[in-house]
Each structure stands twice: as C-alpha cells, then as structure tokens.
Amino acid sequence: MSAKTVLITGSNRGIGLAFTKHYVANGWTVIAAARDPQSATDVRQNCPAL
C-alpha cells in the first residue's frame, strides 16, 4: 500500500480544520497550510499527530 499525502490550505479553521482532522485520523500524511503563523501553531496543538 502506498502512502497517502494531502495538502490542505486554510487548515486552521472551518472545513479546512475538519478535513485536517479527518485525514490525520485516517492515517494520511497532512501538509497543513495557514496564512497566520499563530493559527498554524494552534492547528499543530489541536492535532498532535501532524
């Protein structure tokens, strides 16, 4: 089985955050992008598997 990777923009809130959590929970490698560096840190704290 090959590794699965996804790039999610707007990963810090709304549907982007929901997709981030979904893919992480299902074992995907997630590249999470956010415009605000503090928001990106918040995503990292909320999804420790990133």
N, C-alpha and C. Protein backbone atom coordinates (compact mmCIF):
# COMPACT_ATOMS: atom_id res chain seq x y z
N MET A 1 0.85 -1.18 0.00
CA MET A 1 0.00 0.00 0.00
C MET A 1 0.89 1.24 0.00
N SER A 2 0.57 2.20 -0.84
CA SER A 2 1.37 3.42 -0.92
C SER A 2 0.90 4.43 0.11
N ALA A 3 1.82 5.30 0.50
CA ALA A 3 1.48 6.36 1.45
C ALA A 3 0.58 7.38 0.78
N LYS A 4 -0.31 7.95 1.54
CA LYS A 4 -1.23 8.97 1.02
C LYS A 4 -0.89 10.30 1.67
N THR A 5 -0.80 11.32 0.84
CA THR A 5 -0.46 12.66 1.31
C THR A 5 -1.47 13.65 0.75
N VAL A 6 -1.84 14.62 1.59
CA VAL A 6 -2.78 15.66 1.16
C VAL A 6 -2.27 17.01 1.65
N LEU A 7 -2.45 18.04 0.82
CA LEU A 7 -2.14 19.43 1.19
C LEU A 7 -3.47 20.13 1.43
N ILE A 8 -3.63 20.71 2.61
CA ILE A 8 -4.87 21.40 2.94
C ILE A 8 -4.55 22.86 3.24
N THR A 9 -5.14 23.76 2.45
CA THR A 9 -5.00 25.19 2.71
C THR A 9 -6.16 25.61 3.60
N GLY A 10 -5.94 26.63 4.41
CA GLY A 10 -6.99 27.05 5.33
C GLY A 10 -7.25 26.01 6.41
N SER A 11 -6.19 25.33 6.81
CA SER A 11 -6.34 24.21 7.74
C SER A 11 -6.56 24.63 9.19
N ASN A 12 -6.57 25.92 9.46
CA ASN A 12 -6.68 26.39 10.83
C ASN A 12 -8.11 26.59 11.32
N ARG A 13 -9.10 26.53 10.41
CA ARG A 13 -10.48 26.72 10.88
C ARG A 13 -11.47 26.20 9.84
N GLY A 14 -12.70 26.11 10.26
CA GLY A 14 -13.78 25.73 9.36
C GLY A 14 -13.61 24.36 8.74
N ILE A 15 -13.99 24.27 7.48
CA ILE A 15 -13.94 22.99 6.79
C ILE A 15 -12.50 22.50 6.59
N GLY A 16 -11.56 23.44 6.46
CA GLY A 16 -10.16 23.04 6.34
C GLY A 16 -9.68 22.31 7.59
N LEU A 17 -10.08 22.80 8.76
CA LEU A 17 -9.72 22.14 10.02
C LEU A 17 -10.40 20.78 10.12
N ALA A 18 -11.65 20.71 9.70
CA ALA A 18 -12.38 19.43 9.72
C ALA A 18 -11.69 18.41 8.81
N PHE A 19 -11.30 18.83 7.60
CA PHE A 19 -10.59 17.93 6.70
C PHE A 19 -9.24 17.51 7.29
N THR A 20 -8.55 18.45 7.91
CA THR A 20 -7.26 18.13 8.53
C THR A 20 -7.43 17.03 9.57
N LYS A 21 -8.39 17.19 10.46
CA LYS A 21 -8.64 16.19 11.50
C LYS A 21 -9.05 14.85 10.89
N HIS A 22 -9.88 14.89 9.87
CA HIS A 22 -10.35 13.66 9.22
C HIS A 22 -9.18 12.87 8.62
N TYR A 23 -8.35 13.55 7.83
CA TYR A 23 -7.25 12.86 7.17
C TYR A 23 -6.22 12.35 8.17
N VAL A 24 -5.91 13.14 9.19
CA VAL A 24 -4.97 12.69 10.22
C VAL A 24 -5.51 11.44 10.91
N ALA A 25 -6.79 11.46 11.25
CA ALA A 25 -7.41 10.31 11.93
C ALA A 25 -7.39 9.05 11.07
N ASN A 26 -7.34 9.22 9.75
CA ASN A 26 -7.34 8.08 8.84
C ASN A 26 -5.95 7.71 8.33
N GLY A 27 -4.92 8.24 8.99
CA GLY A 27 -3.55 7.83 8.71
C GLY A 27 -2.85 8.51 7.55
N TRP A 28 -3.43 9.54 7.00
CA TRP A 28 -2.80 10.26 5.89
C TRP A 28 -1.69 11.16 6.42
N THR A 29 -0.73 11.46 5.57
CA THR A 29 0.25 12.49 5.85
C THR A 29 -0.38 13.80 5.41
N VAL A 30 -0.49 14.76 6.33
CA VAL A 30 -1.16 16.02 6.05
C VAL A 30 -0.16 17.16 6.05
N ILE A 31 -0.18 17.94 4.99
CA ILE A 31 0.58 19.19 4.92
C ILE A 31 -0.46 20.28 5.13
N ALA A 32 -0.41 20.91 6.30
CA ALA A 32 -1.42 21.89 6.69
C ALA A 32 -0.87 23.30 6.48
N ALA A 33 -1.59 24.10 5.71
CA ALA A 33 -1.16 25.47 5.42
C ALA A 33 -2.16 26.47 6.00
N ALA A 34 -1.61 27.55 6.56
CA ALA A 34 -2.44 28.64 7.10
C ALA A 34 -1.68 29.94 6.87
N ARG A 35 -2.40 31.02 6.65
CA ARG A 35 -1.75 32.31 6.39
C ARG A 35 -1.09 32.87 7.64
N ASP A 36 -1.71 32.68 8.78
CA ASP A 36 -1.22 33.25 10.04
C ASP A 36 -0.37 32.22 10.80
N PRO A 37 0.89 32.54 11.07
CA PRO A 37 1.74 31.57 11.78
C PRO A 37 1.18 31.12 13.13
N GLN A 38 0.54 32.01 13.86
CA GLN A 38 -0.05 31.62 15.15
C GLN A 38 -1.17 30.61 14.95
N SER A 39 -1.97 30.80 13.91
CA SER A 39 -3.03 29.84 13.61
C SER A 39 -2.46 28.48 13.26
N ALA A 40 -1.35 28.47 12.56
CA ALA A 40 -0.70 27.20 12.21
C ALA A 40 -0.24 26.49 13.48
N THR A 41 0.26 27.25 14.44
CA THR A 41 0.67 26.67 15.72
C THR A 41 -0.53 26.10 16.45
N ASP A 42 -1.66 26.79 16.40
CA ASP A 42 -2.89 26.30 17.04
C ASP A 42 -3.33 24.97 16.43
N VAL A 43 -3.24 24.85 15.11
CA VAL A 43 -3.61 23.60 14.44
C VAL A 43 -2.70 22.49 14.92
N ARG A 44 -1.44 22.77 15.01
CA ARG A 44 -0.46 21.75 15.46
C ARG A 44 -0.79 21.28 16.87
N GLN A 45 -1.20 22.19 17.74
CA GLN A 45 -1.54 21.82 19.12
C GLN A 45 -2.84 21.03 19.18
N ASN A 46 -3.79 21.33 18.29
CA ASN A 46 -5.07 20.63 18.28
C ASN A 46 -5.01 19.28 17.58
N CYS A 47 -4.03 19.08 16.74
CA CYS A 47 -3.85 17.81 16.02
C CYS A 47 -2.42 17.34 16.24
N PRO A 48 -2.13 16.77 17.39
CA PRO A 48 -0.75 16.39 17.70
C PRO A 48 -0.13 15.40 16.71
N ALA A 49 -0.96 14.67 15.97
CA ALA A 49 -0.42 13.69 15.02
C ALA A 49 0.16 14.34 13.77
N LEU A 50 -0.03 15.65 13.59
CA LEU A 50 0.53 16.33 12.41
C LEU A 50 2.04 16.35 12.47
